[in-house]
Amino acid sequence: MSFLQSALGVVALLGIAWLASEQRRAIHWRPVWSGIVLAMVLALAIRWVPGVSSAVAAIRTGQAPCAAGCETALMVASRMVAIPP
């Protein structure tokens, strides 16, 4: 039910913006729909793909999403390019 309410809200906001526009024929709809589809794909990824939700939460809180893995990757990379530790 909340999905339908959200979709109705998006359609209502698009309708209000279209009605308030002075040059309705000048609206380029492809970027509008591309942005909506991109937002939906991101929302679905956050909801259903394992790890994406925790990565977004870590970014939001300012924590590194790969706390232990980053040190290992840095150590391996430093040995590959001969950077002293």
C-alpha atoms as a PDB file:
ATOM      1  CA  MET A   1       0.000   0.000   0.000  1.00  0.00           C
ATOM      2  CA  SER A   2       2.840   2.413   0.782  1.00  0.00           C
ATOM      3  CA  PHE A   3       4.286   1.807  -2.708  1.00  0.00           C
ATOM      4  CA  LEU A   4       1.042   2.986  -4.291  1.00  0.00           C
ATOM      5  CA  GLN A   5       0.943   6.002  -2.007  1.00  0.00           C
ATOM      6  CA  SER A   6       4.537   6.882  -2.942  1.00  0.00           C
ATOM      7  CA  ALA A   7       3.823   6.450  -6.651  1.00  0.00           C
ATOM      8  CA  LEU A   8       0.745   8.638  -6.357  1.00  0.00           C
ATOM      9  CA  GLY A   9       2.856  11.276  -4.599  1.00  0.00           C
ATOM     10  CA  VAL A  10       5.435  11.286  -7.397  1.00  0.00           C
ATOM     11  CA  VAL A  11       2.715  11.557 -10.043  1.00  0.00           C
ATOM     12  CA  ALA A  12       1.027  14.368  -8.079  1.00  0.00           C
ATOM     13  CA  LEU A  13       4.281  16.319  -7.762  1.00  0.00           C
ATOM     14  CA  LEU A  14       4.990  15.900 -11.472  1.00  0.00           C
ATOM     15  CA  GLY A  15       1.460  17.069 -12.252  1.00  0.00           C
ATOM     16  CA  ILE A  16       1.748  20.125 -10.034  1.00  0.00           C
ATOM     17  CA  ALA A  17       5.123  21.017 -11.585  1.00  0.00           C
ATOM     18  CA  TRP A  18       3.668  20.581 -15.086  1.00  0.00           C
ATOM     19  CA  LEU A  19       0.643  22.748 -14.244  1.00  0.00           C
ATOM     20  CA  ALA A  20       2.863  25.464 -12.765  1.00  0.00           C
ATOM     21  CA  SER A  21       5.131  25.479 -15.812  1.00  0.00           C
ATOM     22  CA  GLU A  22       4.859  28.366 -18.239  1.00  0.00           C
ATOM     23  CA  GLN A  23       6.242  26.442 -21.206  1.00  0.00           C
ATOM     24  CA  ARG A  24       4.733  22.983 -20.902  1.00  0.00           C
ATOM     25  CA  ARG A  25       5.869  21.877 -24.347  1.00  0.00           C
ATOM     26  CA  ALA A  26       9.502  22.721 -23.527  1.00  0.00           C
ATOM     27  CA  ILE A  27       9.745  20.058 -20.825  1.00  0.00           C
ATOM     28  CA  HIS A  28      12.232  17.343 -21.702  1.00  0.00           C
ATOM     29  CA  TRP A  29      10.626  14.225 -20.279  1.00  0.00           C
ATOM     30  CA  ARG A  30      13.533  11.845 -20.835  1.00  0.00           C
ATOM     31  CA  PRO A  31      15.694  13.270 -17.990  1.00  0.00           C
ATOM     32  CA  VAL A  32      12.642  13.379 -15.720  1.00  0.00           C
ATOM     33  CA  TRP A  33      11.810   9.708 -16.251  1.00  0.00           C
ATOM     34  CA  SER A  34      15.485   8.725 -16.166  1.00  0.00           C
ATOM     35  CA  GLY A  35      15.838  10.321 -12.740  1.00  0.00           C
ATOM     36  CA  ILE A  36      12.718   8.603 -11.453  1.00  0.00           C
ATOM     37  CA  VAL A  37      13.895   5.215 -12.753  1.00  0.00           C
ATOM     38  CA  LEU A  38      17.364   5.761 -11.272  1.00  0.00           C
ATOM     39  CA  ALA A  39      15.833   6.601  -7.887  1.00  0.00           C
ATOM     40  CA  MET A  40      13.656   3.474  -8.044  1.00  0.00           C
ATOM     41  CA  VAL A  41      16.628   1.253  -8.956  1.00  0.00           C
ATOM     42  CA  LEU A  42      18.644   2.695  -6.077  1.00  0.00           C
ATOM     43  CA  ALA A  43      15.751   2.189  -3.664  1.00  0.00           C
ATOM     44  CA  LEU A  44      15.291  -1.413  -4.792  1.00  0.00           C
ATOM     45  CA  ALA A  45      19.032  -2.053  -4.478  1.00  0.00           C
ATOM     46  CA  ILE A  46      19.059  -0.661  -0.947  1.00  0.00           C
ATOM     47  CA  ARG A  47      16.054  -2.778  -0.036  1.00  0.00           C
ATOM     48  CA  TRP A  48      16.882  -6.116  -1.679  1.00  0.00           C
ATOM     49  CA  VAL A  49      20.610  -6.421  -2.475  1.00  0.00           C
ATOM     50  CA  PRO A  50      22.630  -7.697   0.493  1.00  0.00           C
ATOM     51  CA  GLY A  51      25.388  -5.326   1.569  1.00  0.00           C
ATOM     52  CA  VAL A  52      24.057  -2.239  -0.194  1.00  0.00           C
ATOM     53  CA  SER A  53      21.919  -1.234   2.782  1.00  0.00           C
ATOM     54  CA  SER A  54      24.822  -1.544   5.220  1.00  0.00           C
ATOM     55  CA  ALA A  55      27.127   0.343   2.838  1.00  0.00           C
ATOM     56  CA  VAL A  56      24.642   3.204   2.533  1.00  0.00           C
ATOM     57  CA  ALA A  57      24.197   3.241   6.319  1.00  0.00           C
ATOM     58  CA  ALA A  58      27.974   3.357   6.798  1.00  0.00           C
ATOM     59  CA  ILE A  59      28.305   6.216   4.331  1.00  0.00           C
ATOM     60  CA  ARG A  60      25.455   8.056   6.043  1.00  0.00           C
ATOM     61  CA  THR A  61      27.079   7.739   9.485  1.00  0.00           C
ATOM     62  CA  GLY A  62      30.542   8.587   8.169  1.00  0.00           C
ATOM     63  CA  GLN A  63      32.081   5.189   8.858  1.00  0.00           C
ATOM     64  CA  ALA A  64      34.202   3.393   6.304  1.00  0.00           C
ATOM     65  CA  PRO A  65      32.171   0.563   4.752  1.00  0.00           C
ATOM     66  CA  CYS A  66      35.285  -1.637   4.507  1.00  0.00           C
ATOM     67  CA  ALA A  67      36.988  -0.978   7.842  1.00  0.00           C
ATOM     68  CA  ALA A  68      39.056  -4.197   8.007  1.00  0.00           C
ATOM     69  CA  GLY A  69      39.290  -4.770   4.255  1.00  0.00           C
ATOM     70  CA  CYS A  70      40.739  -1.330   3.526  1.00  0.00           C
ATOM     71  CA  GLU A  71      43.811  -1.963   5.666  1.00  0.00           C
ATOM     72  CA  THR A  72      44.465  -5.269   3.932  1.00  0.00           C
ATOM     73  CA  ALA A  73      44.003  -3.713   0.495  1.00  0.00           C
ATOM     74  CA  LEU A  74      46.358  -0.861   1.397  1.00  0.00           C
ATOM     75  CA  MET A  75      48.969  -3.327   2.648  1.00  0.00           C
ATOM     76  CA  VAL A  76      48.772  -5.390  -0.554  1.00  0.00           C
ATOM     77  CA  ALA A  77      48.841  -2.289  -2.755  1.00  0.00           C
ATOM     78  CA  SER A  78      51.848  -0.849  -0.890  1.00  0.00           C
ATOM     79  CA  ARG A  79      53.790  -4.056  -1.510  1.00  0.00           C
ATOM     80  CA  MET A  80      52.881  -4.014  -5.200  1.00  0.00           C
ATOM     81  CA  VAL A  81      54.205  -0.498  -5.760  1.00  0.00           C
ATOM     82  CA  ALA A  82      57.035  -0.713  -3.201  1.00  0.00           C
ATOM     83  CA  ILE A  83      55.730   1.964  -0.845  1.00  0.00           C
ATOM     84  CA  PRO A  84      57.253   1.533   2.614  1.00  0.00           C
ATOM     85  CA  PRO A  85      54.630   0.775   5.307  1.00  0.00           C
END
